[in-house]
N, C-alpha and C. Protein backbone atom coordinates (compact mmCIF):
# COMPACT_ATOMS: atom_id res chain seq x y z
N UNK A 1 0.66 -1.42 -0.13
CA UNK A 1 -0.09 -0.05 0.72
C UNK A 1 0.73 0.49 0.42
N UNK A 2 2.24 1.25 0.74
CA UNK A 2 2.77 2.57 0.56
C UNK A 2 2.71 2.63 -0.61
N UNK A 3 4.10 1.67 -1.22
CA UNK A 3 4.58 1.81 -2.48
C UNK A 3 3.28 2.29 -3.75
N UNK A 4 1.85 2.83 -3.14
CA UNK A 4 0.98 2.84 -4.30
C UNK A 4 1.07 4.39 -3.76
N UNK A 5 0.14 4.64 -2.64
CA UNK A 5 0.60 5.97 -2.41
C UNK A 5 1.75 6.60 -3.07
N UNK A 6 2.82 6.70 -2.21
CA UNK A 6 4.31 6.83 -3.41
C UNK A 6 4.42 6.85 -4.31
N UNK A 7 3.91 6.07 -5.50
CA UNK A 7 3.69 6.24 -6.71
C UNK A 7 3.10 7.22 -7.19
N UNK A 8 1.49 7.91 -6.85
CA UNK A 8 0.41 8.28 -6.40
C UNK A 8 0.95 9.82 -6.38
N UNK A 9 1.64 9.89 -5.30
CA UNK A 9 2.14 11.69 -5.27
C UNK A 9 3.43 11.85 -6.23
N UNK A 10 4.24 10.64 -6.70
CA UNK A 10 5.47 10.85 -7.81
C UNK A 10 4.89 12.24 -8.63
N UNK A 11 5.47 12.85 -8.97
CA UNK A 11 4.94 13.63 -10.00
C UNK A 11 5.51 13.40 -11.59
N UNK A 12 3.97 13.92 -12.50
CA UNK A 12 4.96 13.45 -14.07
C UNK A 12 5.85 14.38 -14.11
N UNK A 13 6.58 13.79 -15.19
CA UNK A 13 7.77 14.49 -15.90
C UNK A 13 6.93 14.83 -17.59
N UNK A 14 7.11 16.09 -17.54
CA UNK A 14 6.72 16.17 -19.55
C UNK A 14 8.00 16.94 -19.78
N UNK A 15 7.99 16.35 -21.51
CA UNK A 15 8.79 17.51 -21.57
C UNK A 15 8.23 18.41 -22.75
N UNK A 16 7.86 19.43 -23.01
CA UNK A 16 7.10 20.38 -24.37
C UNK A 16 8.17 21.12 -25.35
N UNK A 17 8.21 19.98 -26.49
CA UNK A 17 9.36 20.34 -26.82
C UNK A 17 8.69 21.45 -28.31
N UNK A 18 9.15 22.36 -27.97
CA UNK A 18 9.21 24.04 -29.17
C UNK A 18 8.82 24.91 -28.37
N UNK A 19 8.31 25.64 -28.17
CA UNK A 19 7.39 27.27 -27.85
C UNK A 19 6.99 27.72 -28.31
N UNK A 20 5.76 27.10 -29.45
CA UNK A 20 4.97 27.88 -30.35
C UNK A 20 3.70 28.08 -29.33
N UNK A 21 2.38 28.07 -30.38
CA UNK A 21 1.33 28.24 -28.90
C UNK A 21 1.04 27.45 -28.62
N UNK A 22 1.23 26.30 -29.07
CA UNK A 22 0.52 24.82 -28.60
C UNK A 22 1.78 25.10 -27.25
N UNK A 23 2.60 24.40 -27.53
CA UNK A 23 3.58 24.36 -27.39
C UNK A 23 3.61 25.37 -25.51
N UNK A 24 3.80 26.35 -25.75
CA UNK A 24 3.72 27.84 -24.52
C UNK A 24 2.81 27.25 -23.50
N UNK A 25 2.29 26.42 -24.19
CA UNK A 25 0.30 26.76 -22.98
C UNK A 25 0.16 25.46 -22.92
N UNK A 26 0.51 24.35 -24.04
CA UNK A 26 0.61 23.46 -22.38
C UNK A 26 2.22 23.41 -21.14
N UNK A 27 2.92 23.75 -21.85
CA UNK A 27 3.81 24.24 -20.73
C UNK A 27 2.83 24.70 -19.93
N UNK A 28 2.54 25.98 -19.97
CA UNK A 28 2.57 27.31 -19.18
C UNK A 28 0.70 26.43 -18.13
N UNK A 29 -0.29 25.84 -19.07
CA UNK A 29 -0.87 24.72 -17.91
C UNK A 29 -0.04 24.10 -17.56
N UNK A 30 0.77 23.25 -17.37
CA UNK A 30 1.43 21.80 -17.59
C UNK A 30 2.02 21.29 -16.49
N UNK A 31 2.50 23.25 -16.08
CA UNK A 31 3.66 23.72 -14.90
C UNK A 31 3.28 22.91 -12.74
N UNK A 32 2.29 23.51 -13.26
CA UNK A 32 1.32 22.38 -12.13
C UNK A 32 0.84 21.83 -11.38
N UNK A 33 1.45 21.01 -12.50
CA UNK A 33 1.08 19.16 -12.35
C UNK A 33 1.88 18.50 -12.40
N UNK A 34 2.88 18.84 -13.35
CA UNK A 34 3.79 18.23 -13.70
C UNK A 34 5.41 18.98 -13.50
N UNK A 35 6.80 17.60 -13.61
CA UNK A 35 7.75 18.53 -13.60
C UNK A 35 8.05 19.52 -15.33
N UNK A 36 7.89 19.81 -15.24
CA UNK A 36 7.47 20.36 -17.31
C UNK A 36 9.72 21.03 -18.17
N UNK A 37 9.71 19.99 -18.33
CA UNK A 37 11.00 20.39 -19.33
C UNK A 37 10.35 21.26 -20.75
N UNK A 38 10.61 22.44 -20.82
CA UNK A 38 10.18 23.36 -22.41
C UNK A 38 11.49 23.47 -23.73
N UNK A 39 11.78 22.93 -24.34
CA UNK A 39 12.78 22.85 -25.36
C UNK A 39 12.44 23.30 -26.76
N UNK A 40 13.20 25.25 -26.53
CA UNK A 40 12.92 25.42 -27.50
C UNK A 40 13.64 26.41 -27.49
N UNK A 41 14.07 26.84 -29.09
CA UNK A 41 15.14 27.15 -29.66
C UNK A 41 15.36 28.65 -29.08
N UNK A 42 14.55 29.32 -29.31
CA UNK A 42 14.43 31.25 -28.61
C UNK A 42 14.02 30.97 -26.50
N UNK A 43 14.81 31.68 -26.04
CA UNK A 43 14.44 31.92 -25.11
C UNK A 43 12.87 33.04 -24.93
N UNK A 44 12.26 33.11 -25.62
CA UNK A 44 10.81 33.55 -26.16
C UNK A 44 9.73 33.30 -27.04
N UNK A 45 8.34 33.90 -26.57
CA UNK A 45 7.76 33.20 -27.72
C UNK A 45 7.29 34.75 -28.59
N UNK A 46 7.25 34.63 -29.40
CA UNK A 46 6.84 35.96 -30.79
C UNK A 46 5.73 36.08 -30.49
N UNK A 47 4.81 36.54 -31.34
CA UNK A 47 3.21 36.33 -31.39
C UNK A 47 3.46 37.09 -33.03
N UNK A 48 3.73 36.31 -33.71
CA UNK A 48 4.11 37.21 -35.21
C UNK A 48 3.32 38.38 -36.03
N UNK A 49 2.17 36.74 -35.60
CA UNK A 49 0.20 37.32 -36.28
C UNK A 49 0.04 38.98 -35.78
N UNK A 50 0.89 39.24 -35.25
CA UNK A 50 0.30 40.96 -34.54
C UNK A 50 2.00 41.80 -34.71
N UNK A 51 2.50 41.06 -36.04
CA UNK A 51 3.63 41.74 -36.56
C UNK A 51 3.20 43.61 -37.51
N UNK A 52 2.80 42.74 -38.25
CA UNK A 52 1.88 43.84 -39.05
C UNK A 52 1.92 45.05 -38.08
N UNK A 53 0.89 44.99 -37.49
CA UNK A 53 0.09 46.10 -36.20
C UNK A 53 1.60 46.69 -35.92
N UNK A 54 2.43 45.88 -35.24
CA UNK A 54 3.95 45.98 -34.84
C UNK A 54 4.28 47.23 -35.89
N UNK A 55 4.08 47.27 -37.92
CA UNK A 55 4.70 48.53 -38.36
C UNK A 55 4.31 49.72 -38.40
N UNK A 56 2.83 49.15 -38.12
CA UNK A 56 2.62 50.84 -38.02
C UNK A 56 2.12 51.13 -36.36
N UNK A 57 2.65 50.52 -35.83
CA UNK A 57 2.68 51.07 -34.01
C UNK A 57 3.81 50.11 -33.58
N UNK A 58 4.91 51.10 -33.88
CA UNK A 58 6.31 50.08 -33.33
C UNK A 58 6.83 50.06 -31.43
N UNK A 59 5.59 51.04 -30.80
CA UNK A 59 5.84 50.58 -29.34
C UNK A 59 4.65 49.80 -28.83
N UNK A 60 4.45 49.18 -29.79
CA UNK A 60 3.39 47.98 -29.80
C UNK A 60 4.52 46.64 -29.89
N UNK A 61 5.11 46.94 -30.35
CA UNK A 61 6.22 45.66 -30.96
C UNK A 61 6.58 44.95 -29.33
N UNK A 62 7.09 45.51 -28.35
CA UNK A 62 7.97 45.50 -27.34
C UNK A 62 6.79 43.91 -26.66
N UNK A 63 4.73 44.53 -26.60
CA UNK A 63 4.00 43.44 -26.12
C UNK A 63 3.73 42.33 -27.03
N UNK A 64 4.72 42.01 -27.88
CA UNK A 64 4.74 40.79 -28.69
C UNK A 64 5.69 40.03 -28.21
N UNK A 65 6.79 39.89 -28.25
CA UNK A 65 7.88 39.07 -27.35
C UNK A 65 7.28 38.79 -26.19
N UNK A 66 7.79 37.82 -25.49
CA UNK A 66 7.07 37.02 -24.04
C UNK A 66 8.07 36.29 -23.95
N UNK A 67 9.15 36.94 -23.04
CA UNK A 67 10.21 35.50 -22.85
C UNK A 67 9.41 34.35 -21.70
N UNK A 68 9.98 33.22 -22.14
CA UNK A 68 9.21 32.47 -21.68
C UNK A 68 8.66 32.14 -19.58
N UNK A 69 10.13 32.79 -19.30
CA UNK A 69 10.40 32.83 -18.38
C UNK A 69 9.19 33.84 -17.34
N UNK A 70 8.23 34.43 -18.50
CA UNK A 70 7.85 35.21 -17.48
C UNK A 70 6.47 35.26 -17.56
N UNK A 71 6.38 33.74 -17.56
CA UNK A 71 4.99 33.24 -17.88
C UNK A 71 4.60 31.68 -17.68
N UNK A 72 6.48 31.09 -17.42
CA UNK A 72 6.47 29.87 -17.24
C UNK A 72 7.67 29.50 -15.88
N UNK A 73 7.06 29.61 -14.94
CA UNK A 73 8.34 29.70 -13.37
C UNK A 73 8.17 29.30 -12.29
N UNK A 74 7.22 27.73 -12.45
CA UNK A 74 7.97 26.68 -12.11
C UNK A 74 8.60 24.98 -12.61
N UNK A 75 8.66 25.08 -14.31
CA UNK A 75 9.65 24.53 -15.18
C UNK A 75 10.52 25.06 -15.20
N UNK A 76 11.29 23.97 -16.55
CA UNK A 76 12.39 24.54 -16.57
C UNK A 76 12.45 25.17 -18.08
N UNK A 77 13.17 25.34 -18.99
CA UNK A 77 13.91 26.10 -19.87
C UNK A 77 14.11 25.76 -20.99
N UNK A 78 14.87 24.35 -21.49
CA UNK A 78 15.87 24.94 -22.36
C UNK A 78 15.93 24.84 -23.93
N UNK A 79 17.16 26.14 -23.63
CA UNK A 79 17.62 27.06 -25.01
C UNK A 79 18.74 26.04 -25.64
N UNK A 80 17.28 25.40 -26.74
CA UNK A 80 18.10 24.83 -27.85
C UNK A 80 17.38 24.16 -28.50
N UNK A 81 17.68 24.54 -29.87
CA UNK A 81 17.00 23.49 -30.75
C UNK A 81 17.32 21.90 -30.64
N UNK A 82 15.70 20.90 -31.37
CA UNK A 82 16.38 19.92 -30.59
C UNK A 82 16.89 19.04 -31.69
N UNK A 83 17.46 18.02 -31.50
CA UNK A 83 18.32 16.80 -32.19
C UNK A 83 17.54 16.09 -33.47
N UNK A 84 16.96 15.50 -32.10
CA UNK A 84 16.20 13.69 -32.06
C UNK A 84 16.05 13.47 -31.23
N UNK A 85 14.26 12.56 -30.72
CA UNK A 85 12.91 12.85 -30.51
C UNK A 85 12.70 11.08 -30.46
N UNK A 86 13.33 11.15 -28.87
CA UNK A 86 12.62 9.05 -28.85
C UNK A 86 11.51 9.57 -27.62
N UNK A 87 10.91 8.34 -27.63
CA UNK A 87 9.61 7.77 -26.58
C UNK A 87 10.62 8.37 -25.47
N UNK A 88 11.71 7.66 -25.14
CA UNK A 88 12.61 7.54 -23.81
C UNK A 88 13.67 9.19 -23.84
N UNK A 89 13.85 9.32 -24.74
CA UNK A 89 15.13 10.09 -24.86
C UNK A 89 14.99 11.11 -25.55
N UNK A 90 14.54 12.82 -24.78
CA UNK A 90 14.87 14.01 -26.24
C UNK A 90 16.03 14.20 -26.13
N UNK A 91 16.35 14.54 -27.43
CA UNK A 91 17.90 15.17 -27.21
C UNK A 91 17.54 16.53 -28.48
N UNK A 92 18.41 17.11 -27.00
CA UNK A 92 19.14 18.77 -28.01
C UNK A 92 20.06 18.85 -27.87
N UNK A 93 20.50 20.47 -28.99
CA UNK A 93 21.87 20.82 -29.55
C UNK A 93 22.22 20.58 -28.26
N UNK A 94 21.95 21.07 -26.71
CA UNK A 94 22.79 21.49 -25.98
C UNK A 94 23.50 19.50 -25.48
N UNK A 95 22.77 18.92 -25.92
CA UNK A 95 23.11 17.35 -25.30
C UNK A 95 24.41 17.48 -25.97
N UNK A 96 24.23 17.14 -27.55
CA UNK A 96 25.38 16.76 -28.23
C UNK A 96 26.72 18.24 -28.21
N UNK A 97 26.67 19.08 -27.46
CA UNK A 97 27.29 20.26 -26.91
C UNK A 97 27.57 19.88 -25.37
N UNK A 98 27.18 18.51 -24.99
CA UNK A 98 28.13 18.26 -22.84
C UNK A 98 26.78 18.76 -22.55
N UNK A 99 25.71 19.68 -22.24
CA UNK A 99 24.92 20.09 -21.33
C UNK A 99 23.75 18.40 -20.98
N UNK A 100 23.62 17.18 -20.24
CA UNK A 100 22.90 16.33 -20.27
C UNK A 100 21.30 16.78 -20.78
N UNK A 101 20.89 16.64 -21.13
CA UNK A 101 19.44 16.92 -20.90
C UNK A 101 18.52 16.26 -20.44
N UNK A 102 18.74 14.54 -19.71
CA UNK A 102 18.32 13.64 -19.13
C UNK A 102 18.70 13.71 -17.85
N UNK A 103 20.02 15.22 -17.17
CA UNK A 103 20.61 15.09 -16.23
C UNK A 103 18.69 16.48 -15.58
N UNK A 104 18.57 17.41 -16.32
CA UNK A 104 17.29 18.57 -16.51
C UNK A 104 15.88 17.35 -16.02
N UNK A 105 15.92 16.48 -16.50
CA UNK A 105 14.38 15.59 -17.23
C UNK A 105 14.41 14.46 -15.03
N UNK A 106 16.39 14.20 -14.71
CA UNK A 106 15.69 13.27 -13.24
C UNK A 106 15.62 14.80 -12.04
N UNK A 107 16.14 15.72 -13.12
CA UNK A 107 15.91 16.45 -11.31
C UNK A 107 17.37 17.11 -11.04
N UNK A 108 18.15 16.70 -11.79
CA UNK A 108 19.11 17.40 -11.31
C UNK A 108 20.09 18.43 -12.72
N UNK A 109 20.85 19.52 -11.89
CA UNK A 109 21.00 20.30 -12.91
C UNK A 109 20.22 21.71 -13.36
N UNK A 110 18.85 21.40 -12.67
CA UNK A 110 18.21 22.22 -13.16
C UNK A 110 18.10 23.65 -13.35
N UNK A 111 18.77 25.08 -13.72
CA UNK A 111 18.90 26.33 -13.42
C UNK A 111 17.42 26.89 -13.96
N UNK A 112 16.05 27.26 -13.62
CA UNK A 112 15.56 27.92 -13.46
C UNK A 112 14.54 28.25 -13.58
């Protein structure tokens, strides 16, 4: 019985690949229910459909870029392109450069 209780208290780990509209929303909604890692080549979410308005109203442009860390406070952001995705091991180019993403997924080496 104790094994069942500890398994139910253990949080799920989720990896979201790319921080576009769907990825950013998924990461934001899941961050309170799971340990979420967002892998995106950019540090920010860009509202691209607002670029036309930004051309005629330049002050609007700064509201079209939202840093992932502004809305995604409880998760982990890996700023790197995804290079290979399997069912068990998502790889980013950071992994290829020596930063092991698996450590982030295991809860070690989180920066935040």
